[in-house]
Amino acid sequence: MATKFIEYADRELWLSGRKNSIGASEVAAAIGISPFMTPNELWEIKTGRREPKDLSTSSRVIFGQNAEGIIRDLYMLEHPEYTLEYHPYRVYYQEETPFLTATLDGELTRVEDMVKGIYEGKTAECTKKAQWEKWNGKVPDNYYVQLCHQLYCAGDAFQFSVLNAKIKAMNGDSSLRSYEFDREQMQADINWIIEKAKEFWELVVNDKRPPLRI
């Protein structure tokens, strides 16, 4: 695979450039496991039938954006075994699949052996037991799928992925948790997810609505 990237000058250009691809935060919807959006809704956005929801005034979105840099800095303070680069408007993709893209929250390098990895930061509020169970010794499926998509788009130079999450529990307590995944162990999942994402993009290209899932 040939890894490529585009470096946009600012946020507006970056947002515009993402419209004609499936980004890492969208792939769970594309393959039908997102709790926030159906494949049909994403298809309508990608085919121009629907405008994306404006989340700019959402309190949770605003909090997540403001917290992103803080939890990243805290992670790095606790993990001196890594160095980190951050390119907010860099979009990675593979030459053969330019319609699958990813912007990373950070690029880690392990000091000991210079192996590179992907950093992803999240904030989550678990107000129900079912939400908490998704973080019980694991990460929610839609976030894991995002990590797989990122590793594919960023290419073989990245050999592991870290998800660092600030989680607010049902009782109001807040904690930081980090989860690390090795690319080799994820490879079968990466392959499956990318094939499903390709199938979804074929529906976009052919203007064919996704089938209903039962």
N, C-alpha and C. Protein backbone atom coordinates (compact mmCIF):
# COMPACT_ATOMS: atom_id res chain seq x y z
N MET A 1 0.84 -1.19 0.00
CA MET A 1 0.00 0.00 0.00
C MET A 1 0.88 1.24 0.00
N ALA A 2 0.42 2.26 -0.68
CA ALA A 2 1.11 3.55 -0.72
C ALA A 2 0.34 4.56 0.11
N THR A 3 0.93 4.99 1.20
CA THR A 3 0.26 5.94 2.09
C THR A 3 0.49 7.36 1.61
N LYS A 4 -0.60 8.13 1.57
CA LYS A 4 -0.53 9.54 1.17
C LYS A 4 -1.18 10.39 2.26
N PHE A 5 -0.92 11.67 2.23
CA PHE A 5 -1.69 12.57 3.08
C PHE A 5 -1.78 13.95 2.45
N ILE A 6 -2.84 14.65 2.84
CA ILE A 6 -3.06 16.03 2.44
C ILE A 6 -2.96 16.89 3.69
N GLU A 7 -2.23 17.98 3.60
CA GLU A 7 -2.10 18.90 4.73
C GLU A 7 -2.89 20.16 4.40
N TYR A 8 -4.05 20.32 5.04
CA TYR A 8 -4.88 21.49 4.79
C TYR A 8 -4.38 22.69 5.61
N ALA A 9 -4.63 23.89 5.11
CA ALA A 9 -4.11 25.10 5.75
C ALA A 9 -4.90 25.50 6.98
N ASP A 10 -6.21 25.18 7.01
CA ASP A 10 -7.03 25.60 8.13
C ASP A 10 -8.24 24.67 8.28
N ARG A 11 -9.03 24.91 9.32
CA ARG A 11 -10.15 24.03 9.64
C ARG A 11 -11.22 24.04 8.55
N GLU A 12 -11.51 25.20 7.98
CA GLU A 12 -12.55 25.28 6.96
C GLU A 12 -12.20 24.44 5.74
N LEU A 13 -10.96 24.53 5.29
CA LEU A 13 -10.52 23.72 4.14
C LEU A 13 -10.53 22.24 4.50
N TRP A 14 -10.14 21.94 5.74
CA TRP A 14 -10.13 20.54 6.20
C TRP A 14 -11.55 19.97 6.20
N LEU A 15 -12.50 20.72 6.73
CA LEU A 15 -13.89 20.25 6.75
C LEU A 15 -14.42 20.04 5.34
N SER A 16 -14.11 20.97 4.44
CA SER A 16 -14.56 20.84 3.06
C SER A 16 -13.95 19.62 2.38
N GLY A 17 -12.67 19.38 2.65
CA GLY A 17 -11.97 18.27 2.00
C GLY A 17 -12.44 16.91 2.45
N ARG A 18 -13.06 16.83 3.63
CA ARG A 18 -13.50 15.54 4.17
C ARG A 18 -14.83 15.07 3.58
N LYS A 19 -15.52 15.95 2.85
CA LYS A 19 -16.88 15.63 2.41
C LYS A 19 -16.93 14.45 1.46
N ASN A 20 -15.91 14.28 0.65
CA ASN A 20 -15.94 13.25 -0.39
C ASN A 20 -15.21 11.98 0.01
N SER A 21 -15.33 11.62 1.27
CA SER A 21 -14.71 10.39 1.75
C SER A 21 -15.41 9.93 3.01
N ILE A 22 -15.09 8.71 3.45
CA ILE A 22 -15.54 8.21 4.74
C ILE A 22 -14.41 8.44 5.73
N GLY A 23 -14.64 9.31 6.69
CA GLY A 23 -13.65 9.56 7.71
C GLY A 23 -13.71 8.52 8.81
N ALA A 24 -12.69 8.51 9.68
CA ALA A 24 -12.62 7.50 10.73
C ALA A 24 -13.80 7.59 11.70
N SER A 25 -14.30 8.81 11.94
CA SER A 25 -15.44 8.97 12.85
C SER A 25 -16.76 8.58 12.18
N GLU A 26 -16.73 8.30 10.89
CA GLU A 26 -17.95 7.95 10.15
C GLU A 26 -18.03 6.47 9.81
N VAL A 27 -16.93 5.75 9.93
CA VAL A 27 -16.91 4.38 9.42
C VAL A 27 -17.86 3.47 10.19
N ALA A 28 -18.05 3.71 11.49
CA ALA A 28 -19.00 2.89 12.24
C ALA A 28 -20.40 3.01 11.67
N ALA A 29 -20.78 4.22 11.26
CA ALA A 29 -22.09 4.41 10.62
C ALA A 29 -22.14 3.70 9.27
N ALA A 30 -21.05 3.75 8.53
CA ALA A 30 -21.02 3.13 7.21
C ALA A 30 -21.25 1.63 7.29
N ILE A 31 -20.74 0.99 8.35
CA ILE A 31 -20.87 -0.47 8.44
C ILE A 31 -21.99 -0.89 9.39
N GLY A 32 -22.75 0.09 9.88
CA GLY A 32 -23.98 -0.23 10.61
C GLY A 32 -23.86 -0.48 12.09
N ILE A 33 -22.82 0.06 12.76
CA ILE A 33 -22.71 -0.18 14.21
C ILE A 33 -22.60 1.12 15.00
N SER A 34 -22.92 2.23 14.39
CA SER A 34 -22.86 3.50 15.12
C SER A 34 -24.12 3.70 15.94
N PRO A 35 -23.99 4.15 17.21
CA PRO A 35 -25.17 4.48 18.00
C PRO A 35 -25.73 5.86 17.66
N PHE A 36 -25.04 6.59 16.79
CA PHE A 36 -25.41 7.98 16.51
C PHE A 36 -26.00 8.20 15.11
N MET A 37 -25.71 7.30 14.18
CA MET A 37 -26.13 7.52 12.80
C MET A 37 -26.29 6.18 12.08
N THR A 38 -27.30 6.07 11.24
CA THR A 38 -27.52 4.85 10.47
C THR A 38 -26.74 4.91 9.16
N PRO A 39 -26.53 3.75 8.52
CA PRO A 39 -25.90 3.78 7.19
C PRO A 39 -26.69 4.62 6.20
N ASN A 40 -28.02 4.56 6.29
CA ASN A 40 -28.86 5.33 5.37
C ASN A 40 -28.67 6.83 5.56
N GLU A 41 -28.57 7.27 6.80
CA GLU A 41 -28.36 8.69 7.07
C GLU A 41 -27.01 9.14 6.53
N LEU A 42 -25.96 8.33 6.75
CA LEU A 42 -24.65 8.69 6.23
C LEU A 42 -24.66 8.70 4.70
N TRP A 43 -25.33 7.72 4.10
CA TRP A 43 -25.43 7.66 2.63
C TRP A 43 -26.10 8.92 2.10
N GLU A 44 -27.15 9.38 2.76
CA GLU A 44 -27.83 10.58 2.31
C GLU A 44 -26.92 11.81 2.41
N ILE A 45 -26.09 11.85 3.42
CA ILE A 45 -25.12 12.96 3.55
C ILE A 45 -24.11 12.89 2.41
N LYS A 46 -23.56 11.71 2.17
CA LYS A 46 -22.51 11.57 1.17
C LYS A 46 -23.02 11.74 -0.25
N THR A 47 -24.29 11.51 -0.47
CA THR A 47 -24.87 11.71 -1.81
C THR A 47 -25.54 13.07 -1.96
N GLY A 48 -25.41 13.91 -0.96
CA GLY A 48 -25.93 15.27 -1.05
C GLY A 48 -27.40 15.42 -0.79
N ARG A 49 -28.05 14.38 -0.28
CA ARG A 49 -29.48 14.46 0.01
C ARG A 49 -29.79 15.06 1.38
N ARG A 50 -28.81 15.09 2.22
CA ARG A 50 -28.99 15.55 3.60
C ARG A 50 -27.75 16.33 4.03
N GLU A 51 -27.95 17.37 4.80
CA GLU A 51 -26.84 18.11 5.37
C GLU A 51 -26.45 17.48 6.71
N PRO A 52 -25.17 17.42 7.02
CA PRO A 52 -24.77 16.91 8.34
C PRO A 52 -25.37 17.77 9.45
N LYS A 53 -25.65 17.15 10.58
CA LYS A 53 -26.17 17.89 11.72
C LYS A 53 -25.14 18.92 12.19
N ASP A 54 -25.61 20.09 12.52
CA ASP A 54 -24.75 21.12 13.07
C ASP A 54 -24.61 20.88 14.57
N LEU A 55 -23.45 20.37 14.97
CA LEU A 55 -23.20 20.05 16.38
C LEU A 55 -22.36 21.12 17.07
N SER A 56 -22.17 22.24 16.41
CA SER A 56 -21.26 23.27 16.93
C SER A 56 -21.74 23.87 18.25
N THR A 57 -23.05 23.78 18.52
CA THR A 57 -23.57 24.34 19.77
C THR A 57 -23.86 23.27 20.82
N SER A 58 -23.57 22.01 20.51
CA SER A 58 -23.78 20.92 21.47
C SER A 58 -22.81 21.06 22.63
N SER A 59 -23.31 21.03 23.84
CA SER A 59 -22.45 21.18 25.02
C SER A 59 -21.43 20.04 25.11
N ARG A 60 -21.84 18.83 24.74
CA ARG A 60 -20.91 17.70 24.81
C ARG A 60 -19.81 17.83 23.76
N VAL A 61 -20.19 18.29 22.57
CA VAL A 61 -19.19 18.47 21.51
C VAL A 61 -18.21 19.57 21.90
N ILE A 62 -18.72 20.67 22.42
CA ILE A 62 -17.86 21.78 22.84
C ILE A 62 -16.92 21.32 23.95
N PHE A 63 -17.46 20.58 24.92
CA PHE A 63 -16.61 20.06 26.00
C PHE A 63 -15.52 19.15 25.45
N GLY A 64 -15.90 18.25 24.54
CA GLY A 64 -14.93 17.33 23.96
C GLY A 64 -13.82 18.05 23.21
N GLN A 65 -14.19 19.06 22.45
CA GLN A 65 -13.19 19.82 21.70
C GLN A 65 -12.24 20.56 22.65
N ASN A 66 -12.80 21.16 23.71
CA ASN A 66 -11.97 21.90 24.66
C ASN A 66 -11.10 20.98 25.50
N ALA A 67 -11.58 19.76 25.76
CA ALA A 67 -10.84 18.82 26.59
C ALA A 67 -9.77 18.06 25.82
N GLU A 68 -9.89 18.02 24.50
CA GLU A 68 -9.01 17.17 23.69
C GLU A 68 -7.53 17.42 23.98
N GLY A 69 -7.11 18.69 23.92
CA GLY A 69 -5.70 19.00 24.15
C GLY A 69 -5.27 18.73 25.57
N ILE A 70 -6.18 18.94 26.53
CA ILE A 70 -5.84 18.74 27.94
C ILE A 70 -5.58 17.28 28.24
N ILE A 71 -6.48 16.38 27.78
CA ILE A 71 -6.27 14.96 28.08
C ILE A 71 -5.10 14.39 27.28
N ARG A 72 -4.81 14.97 26.12
CA ARG A 72 -3.62 14.55 25.38
C ARG A 72 -2.36 14.92 26.15
N ASP A 73 -2.34 16.15 26.69
CA ASP A 73 -1.17 16.59 27.46
C ASP A 73 -1.01 15.74 28.72
N LEU A 74 -2.12 15.42 29.38
CA LEU A 74 -2.04 14.58 30.58
C LEU A 74 -1.50 13.19 30.24
N TYR A 75 -1.96 12.65 29.12
CA TYR A 75 -1.46 11.33 28.70
C TYR A 75 0.05 11.37 28.50
N MET A 76 0.54 12.41 27.85
CA MET A 76 1.97 12.48 27.58
C MET A 76 2.77 12.68 28.86
N LEU A 77 2.23 13.41 29.84
CA LEU A 77 2.91 13.57 31.12
C LEU A 77 3.05 12.23 31.84
N GLU A 78 2.04 11.37 31.69
CA GLU A 78 2.06 10.08 32.36
C GLU A 78 2.79 9.01 31.56
N HIS A 79 3.11 9.30 30.30
CA HIS A 79 3.73 8.29 29.43
C HIS A 79 4.96 8.87 28.74
N PRO A 80 6.03 9.09 29.51
CA PRO A 80 7.25 9.64 28.90
C PRO A 80 7.95 8.66 27.97
N GLU A 81 7.44 7.44 27.91
CA GLU A 81 8.02 6.47 26.97
C GLU A 81 7.69 6.79 25.53
N TYR A 82 6.81 7.79 25.32
CA TYR A 82 6.42 8.20 23.98
C TYR A 82 6.77 9.67 23.73
N THR A 83 7.00 9.98 22.47
CA THR A 83 6.93 11.37 22.01
C THR A 83 5.69 11.48 21.13
N LEU A 84 5.24 12.72 20.89
CA LEU A 84 4.00 12.90 20.14
C LEU A 84 4.10 14.07 19.18
N GLU A 85 3.58 13.86 17.96
CA GLU A 85 3.38 14.93 16.99
C GLU A 85 1.88 15.10 16.77
N TYR A 86 1.47 16.33 16.53
CA TYR A 86 0.05 16.60 16.30
C TYR A 86 -0.10 17.47 15.07
N HIS A 87 -0.86 16.96 14.08
CA HIS A 87 -1.10 17.68 12.83
C HIS A 87 -2.61 17.76 12.64
N PRO A 88 -3.26 18.82 13.12
CA PRO A 88 -4.72 18.86 13.18
C PRO A 88 -5.42 18.82 11.83
N TYR A 89 -4.74 19.23 10.76
CA TYR A 89 -5.41 19.28 9.45
C TYR A 89 -4.74 18.36 8.43
N ARG A 90 -4.07 17.34 8.92
CA ARG A 90 -3.47 16.33 8.04
C ARG A 90 -4.43 15.17 7.87
N VAL A 91 -4.70 14.81 6.63
CA VAL A 91 -5.64 13.73 6.32
C VAL A 91 -4.89 12.61 5.62
N TYR A 92 -4.84 11.45 6.25
CA TYR A 92 -4.17 10.28 5.68
C TYR A 92 -5.14 9.45 4.83
N TYR A 93 -4.59 8.81 3.81
CA TYR A 93 -5.37 7.86 3.02
C TYR A 93 -4.41 6.95 2.26
N GLN A 94 -4.94 5.83 1.78
CA GLN A 94 -4.17 4.94 0.94
C GLN A 94 -4.45 5.27 -0.54
N GLU A 95 -3.42 5.21 -1.35
CA GLU A 95 -3.53 5.62 -2.76
C GLU A 95 -4.64 4.85 -3.48
N GLU A 96 -4.83 3.59 -3.13
CA GLU A 96 -5.83 2.77 -3.82
C GLU A 96 -7.24 3.03 -3.32
N THR A 97 -7.38 3.67 -2.14
CA THR A 97 -8.70 3.94 -1.57
C THR A 97 -8.75 5.38 -1.04
N PRO A 98 -8.69 6.37 -1.91
CA PRO A 98 -8.70 7.77 -1.44
C PRO A 98 -10.02 8.19 -0.81
N PHE A 99 -11.04 7.36 -0.95
CA PHE A 99 -12.34 7.66 -0.35
C PHE A 99 -12.43 7.21 1.11
N LEU A 100 -11.36 6.65 1.66
CA LEU A 100 -11.26 6.31 3.08
C LEU A 100 -10.15 7.16 3.69
N THR A 101 -10.50 8.00 4.65
CA THR A 101 -9.55 8.98 5.16
C THR A 101 -9.54 8.99 6.69
N ALA A 102 -8.47 9.56 7.25
CA ALA A 102 -8.37 9.66 8.71
C ALA A 102 -7.50 10.85 9.10
N THR A 103 -7.98 11.62 10.04
CA THR A 103 -7.19 12.65 10.70
C THR A 103 -6.92 12.18 12.12
N LEU A 104 -5.68 12.21 12.54
CA LEU A 104 -5.29 11.63 13.82
C LEU A 104 -5.24 12.68 14.93
N ASP A 105 -5.61 12.26 16.14
CA ASP A 105 -5.48 13.14 17.31
C ASP A 105 -4.03 13.26 17.74
N GLY A 106 -3.19 12.36 17.28
CA GLY A 106 -1.77 12.44 17.60
C GLY A 106 -1.02 11.28 16.99
N GLU A 107 0.27 11.49 16.74
CA GLU A 107 1.15 10.45 16.22
C GLU A 107 2.22 10.18 17.27
N LEU A 108 2.16 8.97 17.85
CA LEU A 108 3.09 8.59 18.90
C LEU A 108 4.32 7.91 18.33
N THR A 109 5.45 8.10 18.99
CA THR A 109 6.67 7.33 18.70
C THR A 109 7.20 6.79 20.02
N ARG A 110 7.37 5.47 20.10
CA ARG A 110 7.92 4.83 21.30
C ARG A 110 9.42 5.06 21.33
N VAL A 111 9.90 5.71 22.35
CA VAL A 111 11.30 6.14 22.42
C VAL A 111 12.24 4.94 22.37
N GLU A 112 11.86 3.85 23.00
CA GLU A 112 12.74 2.69 23.13
C GLU A 112 13.13 2.10 21.80
N ASP A 113 12.18 1.99 20.86
CA ASP A 113 12.47 1.33 19.59
C ASP A 113 12.02 2.14 18.37
N MET A 114 11.49 3.37 18.60
CA MET A 114 11.07 4.28 17.53
C MET A 114 9.90 3.75 16.72
N VAL A 115 9.15 2.80 17.26
CA VAL A 115 7.95 2.31 16.60
C VAL A 115 6.85 3.36 16.74
N LYS A 116 6.12 3.60 15.66
CA LYS A 116 5.08 4.63 15.65
C LYS A 116 3.70 4.04 15.95
N GLY A 117 2.87 4.86 16.56
CA GLY A 117 1.51 4.47 16.86
C GLY A 117 0.56 5.65 16.75
N ILE A 118 -0.72 5.37 16.82
CA ILE A 118 -1.76 6.38 16.70
C ILE A 118 -2.35 6.68 18.08
N TYR A 119 -2.52 7.96 18.36
CA TYR A 119 -3.19 8.39 19.59
C TYR A 119 -4.58 8.90 19.24
N GLU A 120 -5.58 8.44 19.99
CA GLU A 120 -6.95 8.91 19.83
C GLU A 120 -7.51 9.28 21.20
N GLY A 121 -8.05 10.49 21.33
CA GLY A 121 -8.62 10.94 22.59
C GLY A 121 -10.13 11.00 22.53
N LYS A 122 -10.78 10.62 23.63
CA LYS A 122 -12.24 10.63 23.71
C LYS A 122 -12.69 11.19 25.05
N THR A 123 -13.89 11.76 25.07
CA THR A 123 -14.60 12.06 26.31
C THR A 123 -15.93 11.35 26.25
N ALA A 124 -16.35 10.78 27.38
CA ALA A 124 -17.60 10.02 27.40
C ALA A 124 -18.30 10.24 28.74
N GLU A 125 -19.61 10.29 28.67
CA GLU A 125 -20.43 10.43 29.88
C GLU A 125 -21.36 9.23 29.95
N CYS A 126 -21.19 8.42 30.99
CA CYS A 126 -21.97 7.20 31.15
C CYS A 126 -23.07 7.43 32.18
N THR A 127 -24.26 7.76 31.72
CA THR A 127 -25.37 8.04 32.61
C THR A 127 -26.28 6.83 32.79
N LYS A 128 -26.01 5.76 32.04
CA LYS A 128 -26.80 4.54 32.15
C LYS A 128 -25.87 3.35 32.28
N LYS A 129 -26.37 2.30 32.91
CA LYS A 129 -25.56 1.09 33.11
C LYS A 129 -25.10 0.50 31.78
N ALA A 130 -25.98 0.53 30.78
CA ALA A 130 -25.62 -0.03 29.47
C ALA A 130 -24.45 0.72 28.85
N GLN A 131 -24.40 2.04 29.04
CA GLN A 131 -23.28 2.83 28.52
C GLN A 131 -21.99 2.46 29.24
N TRP A 132 -22.08 2.30 30.55
CA TRP A 132 -20.89 1.95 31.33
C TRP A 132 -20.35 0.59 30.94
N GLU A 133 -21.23 -0.35 30.66
CA GLU A 133 -20.80 -1.71 30.29
C GLU A 133 -19.94 -1.70 29.03
N LYS A 134 -20.16 -0.73 28.15
CA LYS A 134 -19.37 -0.66 26.92
C LYS A 134 -17.91 -0.32 27.20
N TRP A 135 -17.63 0.23 28.38
CA TRP A 135 -16.25 0.57 28.77
C TRP A 135 -15.68 -0.42 29.79
N ASN A 136 -16.43 -1.45 30.12
CA ASN A 136 -16.03 -2.39 31.16
C ASN A 136 -14.98 -3.37 30.63
N GLY A 137 -13.72 -2.99 30.78
CA GLY A 137 -12.61 -3.84 30.30
C GLY A 137 -12.41 -3.82 28.81
N LYS A 138 -13.08 -2.87 28.12
CA LYS A 138 -12.98 -2.79 26.66
C LYS A 138 -13.33 -1.37 26.25
N VAL A 139 -13.41 -1.15 24.95
CA VAL A 139 -13.88 0.14 24.44
C VAL A 139 -15.13 -0.11 23.60
N PRO A 140 -16.00 0.88 23.47
CA PRO A 140 -17.20 0.70 22.63
C PRO A 140 -16.83 0.31 21.21
N ASP A 141 -17.66 -0.52 20.61
CA ASP A 141 -17.37 -1.05 19.28
C ASP A 141 -17.13 0.06 18.25
N ASN A 142 -17.94 1.14 18.32
CA ASN A 142 -17.79 2.19 17.32
C ASN A 142 -16.45 2.90 17.43
N TYR A 143 -15.87 2.96 18.64
CA TYR A 143 -14.55 3.56 18.80
C TYR A 143 -13.45 2.60 18.34
N TYR A 144 -13.63 1.32 18.62
CA TYR A 144 -12.64 0.33 18.15
C TYR A 144 -12.58 0.31 16.63
N VAL A 145 -13.75 0.37 15.99
CA VAL A 145 -13.80 0.41 14.52
C VAL A 145 -13.05 1.64 14.00
N GLN A 146 -13.20 2.76 14.70
CA GLN A 146 -12.49 3.98 14.31
C GLN A 146 -10.97 3.78 14.37
N LEU A 147 -10.49 3.11 15.41
CA LEU A 147 -9.05 2.85 15.52
C LEU A 147 -8.56 1.98 14.36
N CYS A 148 -9.35 0.97 14.01
CA CYS A 148 -8.97 0.10 12.89
C CYS A 148 -8.88 0.89 11.59
N HIS A 149 -9.87 1.73 11.36
CA HIS A 149 -9.90 2.56 10.16
C HIS A 149 -8.69 3.49 10.11
N GLN A 150 -8.34 4.08 11.23
CA GLN A 150 -7.19 4.98 11.29
C GLN A 150 -5.89 4.26 10.95
N LEU A 151 -5.71 3.07 11.51
CA LEU A 151 -4.49 2.31 11.24
C LEU A 151 -4.38 1.96 9.76
N TYR A 152 -5.51 1.61 9.14
CA TYR A 152 -5.48 1.33 7.71
C TYR A 152 -5.08 2.56 6.92
N CYS A 153 -5.74 3.68 7.18
CA CYS A 153 -5.49 4.89 6.39
C CYS A 153 -4.08 5.42 6.59
N ALA A 154 -3.58 5.35 7.82
CA ALA A 154 -2.25 5.89 8.11
C ALA A 154 -1.13 4.97 7.65
N GLY A 155 -1.43 3.71 7.41
CA GLY A 155 -0.46 2.82 6.80
C GLY A 155 0.39 2.03 7.78
N ASP A 156 1.24 1.17 7.21
CA ASP A 156 2.03 0.22 7.99
C ASP A 156 3.10 0.87 8.86
N ALA A 157 3.37 2.15 8.67
CA ALA A 157 4.33 2.83 9.53
C ALA A 157 3.82 2.89 10.97
N PHE A 158 2.51 2.75 11.15
CA PHE A 158 1.90 2.81 12.48
C PHE A 158 1.54 1.39 12.93
N GLN A 159 2.13 0.97 14.04
CA GLN A 159 2.01 -0.42 14.47
C GLN A 159 1.18 -0.63 15.73
N PHE A 160 0.68 0.43 16.32
CA PHE A 160 -0.19 0.26 17.47
C PHE A 160 -1.11 1.47 17.57
N SER A 161 -2.13 1.33 18.40
CA SER A 161 -3.09 2.42 18.58
C SER A 161 -3.41 2.56 20.06
N VAL A 162 -3.49 3.79 20.52
CA VAL A 162 -3.85 4.09 21.91
C VAL A 162 -5.14 4.90 21.91
N LEU A 163 -6.11 4.45 22.70
CA LEU A 163 -7.31 5.25 22.94
C LEU A 163 -7.24 5.74 24.38
N ASN A 164 -7.24 7.05 24.55
CA ASN A 164 -7.18 7.68 25.86
C ASN A 164 -8.52 8.36 26.11
N ALA A 165 -9.23 7.95 27.16
CA ALA A 165 -10.60 8.42 27.35
C ALA A 165 -10.82 9.00 28.74
N LYS A 166 -11.45 10.17 28.77
CA LYS A 166 -11.93 10.74 30.02
C LYS A 166 -13.38 10.31 30.15
N ILE A 167 -13.69 9.53 31.19
CA ILE A 167 -15.00 8.95 31.34
C ILE A 167 -15.65 9.47 32.62
N LYS A 168 -16.83 10.03 32.47
CA LYS A 168 -17.61 10.48 33.62
C LYS A 168 -18.61 9.40 33.96
N ALA A 169 -18.52 8.88 35.18
CA ALA A 169 -19.34 7.74 35.58
C ALA A 169 -20.74 8.20 36.02
N MET A 170 -21.59 7.21 36.30
CA MET A 170 -22.97 7.48 36.68
C MET A 170 -23.07 8.27 37.97
N ASN A 171 -22.10 8.07 38.89
CA ASN A 171 -22.13 8.78 40.18
C ASN A 171 -21.47 10.15 40.11
N GLY A 172 -21.02 10.55 38.92
CA GLY A 172 -20.40 11.85 38.76
C GLY A 172 -18.90 11.84 38.82
N ASP A 173 -18.31 10.73 39.28
CA ASP A 173 -16.86 10.63 39.32
C ASP A 173 -16.29 10.61 37.90
N SER A 174 -15.10 11.12 37.75
CA SER A 174 -14.45 11.17 36.44
C SER A 174 -13.09 10.51 36.51
N SER A 175 -12.73 9.78 35.46
CA SER A 175 -11.44 9.10 35.43
C SER A 175 -10.87 9.11 34.02
N LEU A 176 -9.56 8.97 33.95
CA LEU A 176 -8.88 8.83 32.66
C LEU A 176 -8.45 7.38 32.49
N ARG A 177 -8.79 6.80 31.36
CA ARG A 177 -8.40 5.43 31.07
C ARG A 177 -7.71 5.40 29.71
N SER A 178 -6.71 4.57 29.60
CA SER A 178 -6.06 4.40 28.30
C SER A 178 -6.04 2.92 27.93
N TYR A 179 -6.22 2.66 26.64
CA TYR A 179 -6.27 1.31 26.10
C TYR A 179 -5.32 1.25 24.92
N GLU A 180 -4.47 0.23 24.88
CA GLU A 180 -3.52 0.10 23.77
C GLU A 180 -3.81 -1.18 22.99
N PHE A 181 -3.76 -1.06 21.67
CA PHE A 181 -4.04 -2.18 20.77
C PHE A 181 -2.88 -2.34 19.80
N ASP A 182 -2.49 -3.57 19.55
CA ASP A 182 -1.41 -3.87 18.61
C ASP A 182 -1.98 -4.13 17.22
N ARG A 183 -1.35 -3.55 16.22
CA ARG A 183 -1.86 -3.68 14.85
C ARG A 183 -1.97 -5.14 14.41
N GLU A 184 -1.00 -5.95 14.75
CA GLU A 184 -1.02 -7.34 14.31
C GLU A 184 -2.25 -8.06 14.83
N GLN A 185 -2.62 -7.77 16.09
CA GLN A 185 -3.79 -8.41 16.67
C GLN A 185 -5.09 -7.88 16.08
N MET A 186 -5.06 -6.67 15.52
CA MET A 186 -6.25 -6.04 14.95
C MET A 186 -6.41 -6.31 13.46
N GLN A 187 -5.42 -6.91 12.82
CA GLN A 187 -5.38 -6.93 11.37
C GLN A 187 -6.59 -7.58 10.73
N ALA A 188 -7.06 -8.70 11.30
CA ALA A 188 -8.24 -9.35 10.73
C ALA A 188 -9.45 -8.43 10.80
N ASP A 189 -9.60 -7.72 11.91
CA ASP A 189 -10.70 -6.78 12.05
C ASP A 189 -10.55 -5.62 11.07
N ILE A 190 -9.33 -5.12 10.91
CA ILE A 190 -9.07 -4.04 9.95
C ILE A 190 -9.51 -4.48 8.56
N ASN A 191 -9.11 -5.67 8.15
CA ASN A 191 -9.44 -6.16 6.81
C ASN A 191 -10.95 -6.21 6.61
N TRP A 192 -11.67 -6.74 7.60
CA TRP A 192 -13.12 -6.88 7.49
C TRP A 192 -13.79 -5.51 7.42
N ILE A 193 -13.38 -4.60 8.29
CA ILE A 193 -13.98 -3.27 8.34
C ILE A 193 -13.77 -2.52 7.03
N ILE A 194 -12.56 -2.60 6.49
CA ILE A 194 -12.26 -1.88 5.25
C ILE A 194 -13.07 -2.45 4.09
N GLU A 195 -13.24 -3.75 4.03
CA GLU A 195 -14.06 -4.33 2.97
C GLU A 195 -15.50 -3.84 3.06
N LYS A 196 -16.03 -3.77 4.27
CA LYS A 196 -17.40 -3.27 4.46
C LYS A 196 -17.50 -1.79 4.10
N ALA A 197 -16.47 -1.02 4.43
CA ALA A 197 -16.47 0.41 4.07
C ALA A 197 -16.41 0.59 2.56
N LYS A 198 -15.66 -0.25 1.88
CA LYS A 198 -15.61 -0.20 0.42
C LYS A 198 -16.99 -0.50 -0.17
N GLU A 199 -17.67 -1.50 0.38
CA GLU A 199 -19.01 -1.84 -0.10
C GLU A 199 -19.96 -0.65 0.07
N PHE A 200 -19.85 0.03 1.20
CA PHE A 200 -20.70 1.20 1.42
C PHE A 200 -20.39 2.29 0.39
N TRP A 201 -19.11 2.52 0.13
CA TRP A 201 -18.76 3.58 -0.81
C TRP A 201 -19.22 3.26 -2.23
N GLU A 202 -19.28 1.98 -2.58
CA GLU A 202 -19.82 1.59 -3.88
C GLU A 202 -21.29 2.01 -3.99
N LEU A 203 -22.01 1.91 -2.88
CA LEU A 203 -23.41 2.35 -2.88
C LEU A 203 -23.50 3.86 -3.09
N VAL A 204 -22.55 4.60 -2.51
CA VAL A 204 -22.52 6.05 -2.70
C VAL A 204 -22.24 6.38 -4.17
N VAL A 205 -21.22 5.74 -4.72
CA VAL A 205 -20.82 6.01 -6.10
C VAL A 205 -21.94 5.66 -7.07
N ASN A 206 -22.63 4.55 -6.81
CA ASN A 206 -23.69 4.09 -7.70
C ASN A 206 -25.07 4.66 -7.36
N ASP A 207 -25.11 5.56 -6.37
CA ASP A 207 -26.36 6.19 -5.95
C ASP A 207 -27.43 5.15 -5.62
N LYS A 208 -27.00 4.13 -4.90
CA LYS A 208 -27.90 3.03 -4.53
C LYS A 208 -28.03 3.01 -3.01
N ARG A 209 -29.24 3.17 -2.54
CA ARG A 209 -29.49 3.27 -1.11
C ARG A 209 -29.09 1.96 -0.39
N PRO A 210 -28.49 2.07 0.80
CA PRO A 210 -28.12 0.85 1.57
C PRO A 210 -29.33 0.00 1.88
N PRO A 211 -29.16 -1.31 1.88
CA PRO A 211 -30.29 -2.19 2.22
C PRO A 211 -30.64 -2.06 3.69
N LEU A 212 -31.92 -2.32 4.01
CA LEU A 212 -32.35 -2.29 5.41
C LEU A 212 -31.73 -3.47 6.15
N ARG A 213 -31.30 -3.19 7.39
CA ARG A 213 -30.76 -4.27 8.22
C ARG A 213 -31.81 -4.71 9.23
N ILE A 214 -31.95 -6.03 9.38
CA ILE A 214 -32.96 -6.57 10.28
C ILE A 214 -32.27 -7.08 11.55
